[in-house]
Amino acid sequence: MLEMAPTELILLRHAPADHGGALAGRRDVGALLPDKGALRALRDRLGTVRVVASPALRCVQTARALWPDRAFATDARLWEQDFGDWEGIPFGQLPDLGAMSGADLARHRPPGGESFADLCARVAPALQEIAWQGGQVAVMTHAGVVRAALALALGQEAPALSFRVDPLSVTRITALAGEAWSIGCVNAGGIG
């Protein structure tokens, strides 16, 4: 049996999205990038890492701004949750889901979209494949995907929904032997 080398996934949420005040899960909106000094400071904290990104414009722009001289792969499984008919609706006009349990919320599927549980099922294989590569890998992605990674590490979906994930924040999880994961930090240093 092959042994997996420990891999630290450094999950970064993209810079603030230029969403115009409306939900932009799968809408391909750009990023509102901070000044180069802030990006340089973040890059210096991360060190030399391999990079994988969601193909969303806001993720690609953020990754290019952080690592302008580095090529990186994209993986479509790292896209944000598909909110279906809710995409493009102003935040203040989104439906109130009322008091749902965490488990019910994780399974709730917006019309024409995917649930958080669906997102977790899509993201987990991508993160597991990345983890097999060993070393440190920066994953430039979305808040929902970071929460899906936390669900993978926790072994449960519902608790992962309670984590805050700010733009440009860093969440670190490490793949250990077997299917075990360790959470190093959540939502560190973001723009909240």
Protein backbone atom coordinates (compact mmCIF):
# COMPACT_ATOMS: atom_id res chain seq x y z
CA MET A 1 0.00 0.00 0.00
CA LEU A 2 1.29 3.47 -0.88
CA GLU A 3 1.92 5.89 1.96
CA MET A 4 0.77 9.45 1.45
CA ALA A 5 3.25 12.17 2.37
CA PRO A 6 1.74 14.80 4.68
CA THR A 7 0.27 17.62 2.63
CA GLU A 8 -0.70 21.00 3.98
CA LEU A 9 -3.50 22.58 2.00
CA ILE A 10 -3.36 26.36 2.37
CA LEU A 11 -6.88 27.38 1.41
CA LEU A 12 -7.22 31.02 0.43
CA ARG A 13 -10.45 32.81 -0.30
CA HIS A 14 -10.15 35.16 -3.27
CA ALA A 15 -9.99 38.96 -2.91
CA PRO A 16 -13.37 40.68 -2.44
CA ALA A 17 -15.65 39.92 -5.37
CA ASP A 18 -16.97 42.71 -7.60
CA HIS A 19 -20.49 41.29 -7.23
CA GLY A 20 -22.45 44.55 -7.14
CA GLY A 21 -24.25 43.55 -3.93
CA ALA A 22 -25.73 40.37 -5.39
CA LEU A 23 -25.06 36.67 -4.87
CA ALA A 24 -22.26 35.54 -7.19
CA GLY A 25 -21.69 31.84 -6.56
CA ARG A 26 -21.22 30.73 -10.17
CA ARG A 27 -21.48 34.17 -11.76
CA ASP A 28 -18.01 34.91 -13.08
CA VAL A 29 -17.29 38.29 -11.53
CA GLY A 30 -13.89 39.91 -11.09
CA ALA A 31 -11.91 40.58 -7.92
CA LEU A 32 -11.38 43.91 -6.17
CA LEU A 33 -7.67 43.51 -5.54
CA PRO A 34 -5.95 45.28 -2.62
CA ASP A 35 -2.73 47.23 -3.04
CA LYS A 36 0.43 45.37 -4.03
CA GLY A 37 1.95 45.82 -0.57
CA ALA A 38 -0.87 43.84 1.07
CA LEU A 39 -0.53 41.11 -1.54
CA ARG A 40 3.25 40.99 -1.11
CA ALA A 41 2.86 40.62 2.67
CA LEU A 42 0.44 37.72 2.19
CA ARG A 43 2.71 36.07 -0.39
CA ASP A 44 5.69 36.40 1.97
CA ARG A 45 3.72 34.71 4.78
CA LEU A 46 2.81 31.81 2.50
CA GLY A 47 6.32 31.11 1.26
CA THR A 48 7.07 29.06 -1.83
CA VAL A 49 4.13 26.80 -2.53
CA ARG A 50 2.51 25.08 -5.46
CA VAL A 51 -0.75 26.73 -6.50
CA VAL A 52 -4.08 25.34 -7.69
CA ALA A 53 -7.06 27.64 -8.30
CA SER A 54 -10.72 27.66 -9.10
CA PRO A 55 -11.14 28.78 -12.72
CA ALA A 56 -13.45 31.59 -11.58
CA LEU A 57 -12.19 35.00 -12.73
CA ARG A 58 -12.00 36.35 -9.17
CA CYS A 59 -9.79 33.41 -8.12
CA VAL A 60 -7.55 33.54 -11.19
CA GLN A 61 -7.09 37.31 -10.81
CA THR A 62 -6.21 36.95 -7.13
CA ALA A 63 -3.77 34.09 -7.79
CA ARG A 64 -2.08 36.03 -10.61
CA ALA A 65 -1.77 39.10 -8.40
CA LEU A 66 -0.23 37.04 -5.58
CA TRP A 67 2.09 34.99 -7.79
CA PRO A 68 2.61 37.05 -10.99
CA ASP A 69 5.54 34.96 -12.23
CA ARG A 70 4.16 31.52 -11.43
CA ALA A 71 2.10 29.20 -13.60
CA PHE A 72 -0.70 27.41 -11.78
CA ALA A 73 -3.32 24.80 -12.55
CA THR A 74 -7.06 25.32 -12.32
CA ASP A 75 -9.61 22.72 -11.28
CA ALA A 76 -13.31 23.23 -12.08
CA ARG A 77 -14.29 21.20 -9.01
CA LEU A 78 -13.06 24.15 -6.91
CA TRP A 79 -15.81 26.50 -8.16
CA GLU A 80 -18.13 28.05 -5.58
CA GLN A 81 -21.49 26.48 -4.74
CA ASP A 82 -24.05 26.80 -7.54
CA PHE A 83 -26.92 28.81 -6.09
CA GLY A 84 -29.13 28.25 -9.17
CA ASP A 85 -32.05 30.67 -9.41
CA TRP A 86 -30.64 32.71 -6.52
CA GLU A 87 -27.57 33.78 -8.54
CA GLY A 88 -27.58 37.53 -9.14
CA ILE A 89 -30.25 38.28 -6.53
CA PRO A 90 -29.30 41.21 -4.26
CA PHE A 91 -28.31 39.96 -0.81
CA GLY A 92 -31.21 41.78 0.90
CA GLN A 93 -33.74 40.02 -1.36
CA LEU A 94 -32.56 36.44 -0.84
CA PRO A 95 -35.14 34.11 0.71
CA ASP A 96 -35.10 33.75 4.50
CA LEU A 97 -34.59 30.06 5.23
CA GLY A 98 -35.85 30.45 8.79
CA ALA A 99 -34.60 28.30 11.62
CA MET A 100 -33.12 25.24 9.93
CA SER A 101 -30.89 22.73 11.64
CA GLY A 102 -27.31 22.58 10.40
CA ALA A 103 -27.98 19.20 8.79
CA ASP A 104 -31.09 20.52 6.99
CA LEU A 105 -29.22 23.62 5.85
CA ALA A 106 -26.38 21.47 4.47
CA ARG A 107 -28.93 19.48 2.43
CA HIS A 108 -31.01 22.47 1.29
CA ARG A 109 -30.77 22.90 -2.48
CA PRO A 110 -31.71 26.30 -3.97
CA PRO A 111 -33.96 25.96 -7.04
CA GLY A 112 -31.77 24.91 -9.97
CA GLY A 113 -28.64 24.84 -7.79
CA GLU A 114 -26.67 22.56 -5.51
CA SER A 115 -26.74 22.06 -1.76
CA PHE A 116 -23.73 22.45 0.50
CA ALA A 117 -23.69 18.63 0.73
CA ASP A 118 -23.51 18.52 -3.10
CA LEU A 119 -20.63 21.00 -3.00
CA CYS A 120 -18.80 18.86 -0.42
CA ALA A 121 -19.23 15.77 -2.61
CA ARG A 122 -17.75 17.67 -5.58
CA VAL A 123 -14.85 19.26 -3.69
CA ALA A 124 -13.66 16.33 -1.53
CA PRO A 125 -12.19 14.25 -4.40
CA ALA A 126 -10.31 17.30 -5.73
CA LEU A 127 -8.76 18.04 -2.33
CA GLN A 128 -7.90 14.38 -1.78
CA GLU A 129 -6.13 14.25 -5.17
CA ILE A 130 -4.18 17.41 -4.33
CA ALA A 131 -3.29 15.94 -0.94
CA TRP A 132 -1.68 12.90 -2.59
CA GLN A 133 0.96 15.20 -4.10
CA GLY A 134 2.60 15.96 -0.75
CA GLY A 135 4.21 19.20 0.42
CA GLN A 136 2.40 22.52 0.70
CA VAL A 137 -0.23 23.54 -1.83
CA ALA A 138 -2.05 26.88 -1.95
CA VAL A 139 -5.65 26.44 -3.10
CA MET A 140 -7.15 29.75 -4.31
CA THR A 141 -10.88 29.31 -4.05
CA HIS A 142 -14.19 30.43 -2.52
CA ALA A 143 -15.74 30.59 0.96
CA GLY A 144 -18.02 27.62 0.26
CA VAL A 145 -15.11 25.49 -0.91
CA VAL A 146 -13.09 26.40 2.19
CA ARG A 147 -16.07 25.30 4.31
CA ALA A 148 -16.30 22.09 2.25
CA ALA A 149 -12.61 21.45 3.04
CA LEU A 150 -13.37 21.98 6.72
CA ALA A 151 -16.28 19.52 6.42
CA LEU A 152 -13.84 16.99 4.95
CA ALA A 153 -11.41 17.55 7.84
CA LEU A 154 -14.17 17.38 10.47
CA GLY A 155 -15.92 14.42 8.88
CA GLN A 156 -19.22 16.33 9.12
CA GLU A 157 -20.89 18.89 6.89
CA ALA A 158 -23.17 20.82 9.25
CA PRO A 159 -20.52 22.18 11.67
CA ALA A 160 -18.44 23.49 8.75
CA LEU A 161 -21.25 25.89 7.81
CA SER A 162 -20.66 27.89 11.00
CA PHE A 163 -17.14 29.02 10.04
CA ARG A 164 -16.56 32.57 8.82
CA VAL A 165 -14.31 32.79 5.74
CA ASP A 166 -13.28 36.36 4.87
CA PRO A 167 -11.76 37.50 1.56
CA LEU A 168 -8.01 36.84 1.39
CA SER A 169 -8.15 34.74 4.56
CA VAL A 170 -6.01 31.66 5.06
CA THR A 171 -7.30 28.31 6.34
CA ARG A 172 -4.79 25.49 6.78
CA ILE A 173 -5.61 21.80 6.87
CA THR A 174 -3.15 18.92 6.73
CA ALA A 175 -3.84 15.50 5.25
CA LEU A 176 -2.45 12.82 7.55
CA ALA A 177 -2.09 9.05 7.20
CA GLY A 178 -5.23 7.19 6.26
CA GLU A 179 -8.13 9.56 5.81
CA ALA A 180 -7.33 11.75 8.81
CA TRP A 181 -7.01 15.53 8.62
CA SER A 182 -5.75 18.17 11.01
CA ILE A 183 -7.03 21.75 11.06
CA GLY A 184 -4.22 24.26 11.64
CA CYS A 185 -6.12 27.55 11.45
CA VAL A 186 -9.33 28.99 10.03
CA ASN A 187 -9.95 32.45 8.54
CA ALA A 188 -6.55 33.87 9.47
CA GLY A 189 -5.62 37.37 8.31
CA GLY A 190 -8.53 38.05 5.98
CA ILE A 191 -10.29 41.27 5.07
CA GLY A 192 -13.40 41.10 7.24
